[in-house]
C-alpha atoms as a PDB file:
ATOM      1  CA  MET A   1      15.682 -31.210  59.715  1.00  0.00           C
ATOM      2  CA  ILE A   2      15.223 -32.921  56.418  1.00  0.00           C
ATOM      3  CA  VAL A   3      14.761 -30.730  53.371  1.00  0.00           C
ATOM      4  CA  SER A   4      13.426 -32.327  50.273  1.00  0.00           C
ATOM      5  CA  ILE A   5      14.838 -30.815  47.152  1.00  0.00           C
ATOM      6  CA  SER A   6      12.905 -31.716  44.069  1.00  0.00           C
ATOM      7  CA  LYS A   7      14.946 -31.739  40.959  1.00  0.00           C
ATOM      8  CA  GLN A   8      12.673 -31.489  37.970  1.00  0.00           C
ATOM      9  CA  HIS A   9      14.211 -31.672  34.561  1.00  0.00           C
ATOM     10  CA  GLY A  10      12.338 -30.886  31.344  1.00  0.00           C
ATOM     11  CA  PHE A  11       8.613 -30.786  30.692  1.00  0.00           C
ATOM     12  CA  SER A  12       6.051 -33.429  31.128  1.00  0.00           C
ATOM     13  CA  LEU A  13       4.120 -34.621  28.109  1.00  0.00           C
ATOM     14  CA  LEU A  14       0.926 -33.112  29.519  1.00  0.00           C
ATOM     15  CA  GLU A  15       2.450 -29.631  29.704  1.00  0.00           C
ATOM     16  CA  VAL A  16       3.590 -29.857  26.089  1.00  0.00           C
ATOM     17  CA  LEU A  17       0.135 -31.020  24.973  1.00  0.00           C
ATOM     18  CA  ILE A  18      -1.608 -28.150  26.777  1.00  0.00           C
ATOM     19  CA  SER A  19       0.830 -25.655  25.241  1.00  0.00           C
ATOM     20  CA  LEU A  20       0.139 -27.029  21.767  1.00  0.00           C
ATOM     21  CA  ILE A  21      -3.623 -26.762  22.284  1.00  0.00           C
ATOM     22  CA  ILE A  22      -3.316 -23.138  23.416  1.00  0.00           C
ATOM     23  CA  LEU A  23      -1.089 -22.364  20.425  1.00  0.00           C
ATOM     24  CA  ALA A  24      -3.523 -24.058  18.009  1.00  0.00           C
ATOM     25  CA  VAL A  25      -6.500 -22.094  19.372  1.00  0.00           C
ATOM     26  CA  GLY A  26      -4.512 -18.876  19.023  1.00  0.00           C
ATOM     27  CA  LEU A  27      -3.544 -19.651  15.436  1.00  0.00           C
ATOM     28  CA  LEU A  28      -7.155 -20.493  14.547  1.00  0.00           C
ATOM     29  CA  GLY A  29      -8.207 -17.151  15.996  1.00  0.00           C
ATOM     30  CA  ILE A  30      -5.621 -15.336  13.905  1.00  0.00           C
ATOM     31  CA  ALA A  31      -6.751 -17.191  10.762  1.00  0.00           C
ATOM     32  CA  ALA A  32     -10.400 -16.284  11.432  1.00  0.00           C
ATOM     33  CA  LEU A  33      -9.429 -12.657  11.998  1.00  0.00           C
ATOM     34  CA  GLN A  34      -7.511 -12.599   8.714  1.00  0.00           C
ATOM     35  CA  ALA A  35     -10.431 -14.144   6.804  1.00  0.00           C
ATOM     36  CA  ARG A  36     -12.809 -11.542   8.241  1.00  0.00           C
ATOM     37  CA  ALA A  37     -10.408  -8.729   7.321  1.00  0.00           C
ATOM     38  CA  VAL A  38     -10.185  -9.957   3.721  1.00  0.00           C
ATOM     39  CA  ARG A  39     -13.994 -10.202   3.443  1.00  0.00           C
ATOM     40  CA  ASP A  40     -14.514  -6.726   4.911  1.00  0.00           C
ATOM     41  CA  ASN A  41     -11.810  -5.294   2.663  1.00  0.00           C
ATOM     42  CA  HIS A  42     -13.568  -6.725  -0.410  1.00  0.00           C
ATOM     43  CA  SER A  43     -16.874  -5.296   0.799  1.00  0.00           C
ATOM     44  CA  ALA A  44     -15.254  -1.866   1.149  1.00  0.00           C
ATOM     45  CA  LEU A  45     -13.842  -2.172  -2.374  1.00  0.00           C
ATOM     46  CA  LEU A  46     -17.313  -2.922  -3.776  1.00  0.00           C
ATOM     47  CA  ARG A  47     -18.825   0.028  -1.881  1.00  0.00           C
ATOM     48  CA  SER A  48     -16.102   2.360  -3.217  1.00  0.00           C
ATOM     49  CA  THR A  49     -16.751   1.071  -6.728  1.00  0.00           C
ATOM     50  CA  ALA A  50     -20.479   1.726  -6.274  1.00  0.00           C
ATOM     51  CA  ILE A  51     -19.804   5.301  -5.134  1.00  0.00           C
ATOM     52  CA  ASN A  52     -17.572   5.860  -8.166  1.00  0.00           C
ATOM     53  CA  GLN A  53     -20.257   4.467 -10.473  1.00  0.00           C
ATOM     54  CA  ILE A  54     -22.932   6.729  -8.991  1.00  0.00           C
ATOM     55  CA  ASN A  55     -20.635   9.723  -9.425  1.00  0.00           C
ATOM     56  CA  ASN A  56     -20.015   8.552 -12.991  1.00  0.00           C
ATOM     57  CA  MET A  57     -23.742   8.765 -13.767  1.00  0.00           C
ATOM     58  CA  ILE A  58     -23.996  12.181 -12.117  1.00  0.00           C
ATOM     59  CA  ASP A  59     -21.117  13.402 -14.305  1.00  0.00           C
ATOM     60  CA  ARG A  60     -22.816  11.998 -17.411  1.00  0.00           C
ATOM     61  CA  MET A  61     -26.061  13.748 -16.517  1.00  0.00           C
ATOM     62  CA  GLN A  62     -24.312  17.061 -15.829  1.00  0.00           C
ATOM     63  CA  SER A  63     -22.526  16.786 -19.182  1.00  0.00           C
ATOM     64  CA  ASN A  64     -25.822  16.211 -21.013  1.00  0.00           C
ATOM     65  CA  TYR A  65     -28.062  18.787 -19.382  1.00  0.00           C
ATOM     66  CA  ALA A  66     -30.231  18.973 -22.515  1.00  0.00           C
ATOM     67  CA  GLY A  67     -30.961  15.250 -22.087  1.00  0.00           C
ATOM     68  CA  VAL A  68     -31.827  15.826 -18.429  1.00  0.00           C
ATOM     69  CA  ASN A  69     -34.282  18.591 -19.394  1.00  0.00           C
ATOM     70  CA  ALA A  70     -35.762  16.390 -22.131  1.00  0.00           C
ATOM     71  CA  GLY A  71     -36.490  13.667 -19.546  1.00  0.00           C
ATOM     72  CA  ALA A  72     -34.089  11.138 -21.057  1.00  0.00           C
ATOM     73  CA  TYR A  73     -32.752  10.164 -17.618  1.00  0.00           C
ATOM     74  CA  ASN A  74     -36.174   9.815 -15.960  1.00  0.00           C
ATOM     75  CA  ASN A  75     -36.959   6.423 -14.416  1.00  0.00           C
ATOM     76  CA  VAL A  76     -33.933   4.562 -15.753  1.00  0.00           C
ATOM     77  CA  SER A  77     -33.716   0.829 -15.066  1.00  0.00           C
ATOM     78  CA  GLY A  78     -32.114  -2.003 -16.954  1.00  0.00           C
ATOM     79  CA  ILE A  79     -29.226  -1.903 -19.369  1.00  0.00           C
ATOM     80  CA  GLY A  80     -31.012  -0.229 -22.269  1.00  0.00           C
ATOM     81  CA  SER A  81     -29.685  -0.420 -25.793  1.00  0.00           C
ATOM     82  CA  LEU A  82     -26.438   0.627 -27.397  1.00  0.00           C
ATOM     83  CA  ILE A  83     -26.841   3.645 -29.643  1.00  0.00           C
ATOM     84  CA  ASN A  84     -24.381   4.158 -32.494  1.00  0.00           C
ATOM     85  CA  CYS A  85     -24.604   7.550 -34.113  1.00  0.00           C
ATOM     86  CA  THR A  86     -22.197  10.124 -35.493  1.00  0.00           C
ATOM     87  CA  THR A  87     -24.268  13.189 -34.626  1.00  0.00           C
ATOM     88  CA  CYS A  88     -26.224  12.101 -31.574  1.00  0.00           C
ATOM     89  CA  SER A  89     -29.151  13.974 -30.101  1.00  0.00           C
ATOM     90  CA  SER A  90     -29.214  14.606 -26.358  1.00  0.00           C
ATOM     91  CA  THR A  91     -31.699  11.742 -25.946  1.00  0.00           C
ATOM     92  CA  GLN A  92     -29.443   9.351 -27.863  1.00  0.00           C
ATOM     93  CA  ILE A  93     -26.479  10.444 -25.741  1.00  0.00           C
ATOM     94  CA  ALA A  94     -28.552   9.690 -22.638  1.00  0.00           C
ATOM     95  CA  GLN A  95     -29.471   6.248 -23.997  1.00  0.00           C
ATOM     96  CA  ARG A  96     -25.803   5.519 -24.690  1.00  0.00           C
ATOM     97  CA  ASP A  97     -24.877   6.791 -21.195  1.00  0.00           C
ATOM     98  CA  ILE A  98     -27.451   4.493 -19.589  1.00  0.00           C
ATOM     99  CA  TYR A  99     -26.258   1.506 -21.617  1.00  0.00           C
ATOM    100  CA  GLN A 100     -22.591   2.103 -20.819  1.00  0.00           C
ATOM    101  CA  TRP A 101     -23.278   2.842 -17.147  1.00  0.00           C
ATOM    102  CA  ASN A 102     -25.354  -0.269 -16.462  1.00  0.00           C
ATOM    103  CA  THR A 103     -23.000  -2.433 -18.540  1.00  0.00           C
ATOM    104  CA  ASN A 104     -20.131  -1.196 -16.359  1.00  0.00           C
ATOM    105  CA  ASN A 105     -22.209  -1.804 -13.217  1.00  0.00           C
ATOM    106  CA  ALA A 106     -22.717  -5.429 -14.246  1.00  0.00           C
ATOM    107  CA  GLN A 107     -19.003  -5.858 -14.969  1.00  0.00           C
ATOM    108  CA  LEU A 108     -17.636  -4.132 -11.860  1.00  0.00           C
ATOM    109  CA  LEU A 109     -20.114  -5.299  -9.208  1.00  0.00           C
ATOM    110  CA  PRO A 110     -21.508  -8.817  -8.621  1.00  0.00           C
ATOM    111  CA  SER A 111     -25.078  -8.737  -9.980  1.00  0.00           C
ATOM    112  CA  GLY A 112     -24.635  -4.967 -10.315  1.00  0.00           C
ATOM    113  CA  THR A 113     -27.457  -2.873 -11.694  1.00  0.00           C
ATOM    114  CA  GLY A 114     -28.511   0.739 -11.300  1.00  0.00           C
ATOM    115  CA  THR A 115     -31.619   2.875 -11.457  1.00  0.00           C
ATOM    116  CA  VAL A 116     -32.281   6.595 -11.768  1.00  0.00           C
ATOM    117  CA  THR A 117     -35.591   8.108 -10.677  1.00  0.00           C
ATOM    118  CA  ARG A 118     -36.691  11.718 -10.927  1.00  0.00           C
ATOM    119  CA  ASN A 119     -38.880  13.850  -8.708  1.00  0.00           C
ATOM    120  CA  GLY A 120     -38.877  17.427  -9.976  1.00  0.00           C
ATOM    121  CA  GLN A 121     -35.256  18.474 -10.287  1.00  0.00           C
ATOM    122  CA  ARG A 122     -34.148  15.867  -7.728  1.00  0.00           C
ATOM    123  CA  PHE A 123     -32.705  12.635  -9.047  1.00  0.00           C
ATOM    124  CA  THR A 124     -32.215   9.507  -6.932  1.00  0.00           C
ATOM    125  CA  ILE A 125     -29.481   7.251  -8.256  1.00  0.00           C
ATOM    126  CA  THR A 126     -29.484   3.770  -6.719  1.00  0.00           C
ATOM    127  CA  LEU A 127     -26.990   0.985  -7.269  1.00  0.00           C
ATOM    128  CA  PHE A 128     -27.687  -2.631  -6.302  1.00  0.00           C
ATOM    129  CA  TRP A 129     -25.160  -5.458  -5.978  1.00  0.00           C
ATOM    130  CA  ASP A 130     -24.832  -8.861  -4.302  1.00  0.00           C
ATOM    131  CA  ASN A 131     -22.203  -7.949  -1.704  1.00  0.00           C
ATOM    132  CA  ASP A 132     -22.087 -11.310   0.076  1.00  0.00           C
ATOM    133  CA  ARG A 133     -22.850 -13.337  -3.082  1.00  0.00           C
ATOM    134  CA  THR A 134     -25.829 -15.148  -1.591  1.00  0.00           C
ATOM    135  CA  GLY A 135     -27.767 -14.990  -4.846  1.00  0.00           C
ATOM    136  CA  ALA A 136     -30.199 -12.419  -3.452  1.00  0.00           C
ATOM    137  CA  THR A 137     -32.315 -10.621  -6.044  1.00  0.00           C
ATOM    138  CA  GLY A 138     -34.606  -8.298  -4.072  1.00  0.00           C
ATOM    139  CA  THR A 139     -34.265  -4.553  -4.553  1.00  0.00           C
ATOM    140  CA  ASN A 140     -35.965  -3.289  -1.395  1.00  0.00           C
ATOM    141  CA  CYS A 141     -32.756  -2.056   0.293  1.00  0.00           C
ATOM    142  CA  SER A 142     -33.942  -3.655   3.541  1.00  0.00           C
ATOM    143  CA  GLY A 143     -30.502  -4.539   4.873  1.00  0.00           C
ATOM    144  CA  ASN A 144     -31.397  -8.247   4.865  1.00  0.00           C
ATOM    145  CA  THR A 145     -28.730  -9.399   2.407  1.00  0.00           C
ATOM    146  CA  ASN A 146     -30.141 -12.937   2.286  1.00  0.00           C
ATOM    147  CA  VAL A 147     -33.208 -11.571   0.488  1.00  0.00           C
ATOM    148  CA  ASP A 148     -32.223  -8.171  -0.879  1.00  0.00           C
ATOM    149  CA  LEU A 149     -29.208  -6.918  -2.744  1.00  0.00           C
ATOM    150  CA  THR A 150     -26.952  -4.408  -1.027  1.00  0.00           C
ATOM    151  CA  CYS A 151     -27.821  -0.942  -2.233  1.00  0.00           C
ATOM    152  CA  LEU A 152     -26.400   2.545  -2.192  1.00  0.00           C
ATOM    153  CA  ARG A 153     -28.522   5.613  -2.907  1.00  0.00           C
ATOM    154  CA  MET A 154     -27.471   9.124  -3.681  1.00  0.00           C
ATOM    155  CA  GLU A 155     -29.714  12.090  -4.361  1.00  0.00           C
ATOM    156  CA  VAL A 156     -28.651  15.001  -6.512  1.00  0.00           C
ATOM    157  CA  GLU A 157     -30.380  18.129  -7.765  1.00  0.00           C
ATOM    158  CA  LEU A 158     -29.661  19.189 -11.320  1.00  0.00           C
END
């Protein structure tokens, strides 16, 4: 009986090439996963900033209840104007609050802007920003970020 013993030493070039291809695909997958994690982390940071900014406006409104009752926070949109006064009325305080708030929105969020609308004692505070930086300008809150800005709404009763 003849037994053939094959003595193989080392790897063939084909085996090394296949191993390198598998390794390269794996590394590309890891790189894509890391890029996605960074993008999602930045999106979460912007959303947290938006929540903080909405709470900031609520705090300003609660601190200036006379301005709320006078209607100074009704239908707010745009940056407004900076008010400089030493003894400010509640309306002037509200105007300064709106200016500072929307100026901060523009600085902290890409294309950030906010609105406040009133229905009775219920206020809807909405913040808009370009989360994916596509240059979108719509404010319909449709979820289509190619057309509309990302938005976050919060309702509060004062």
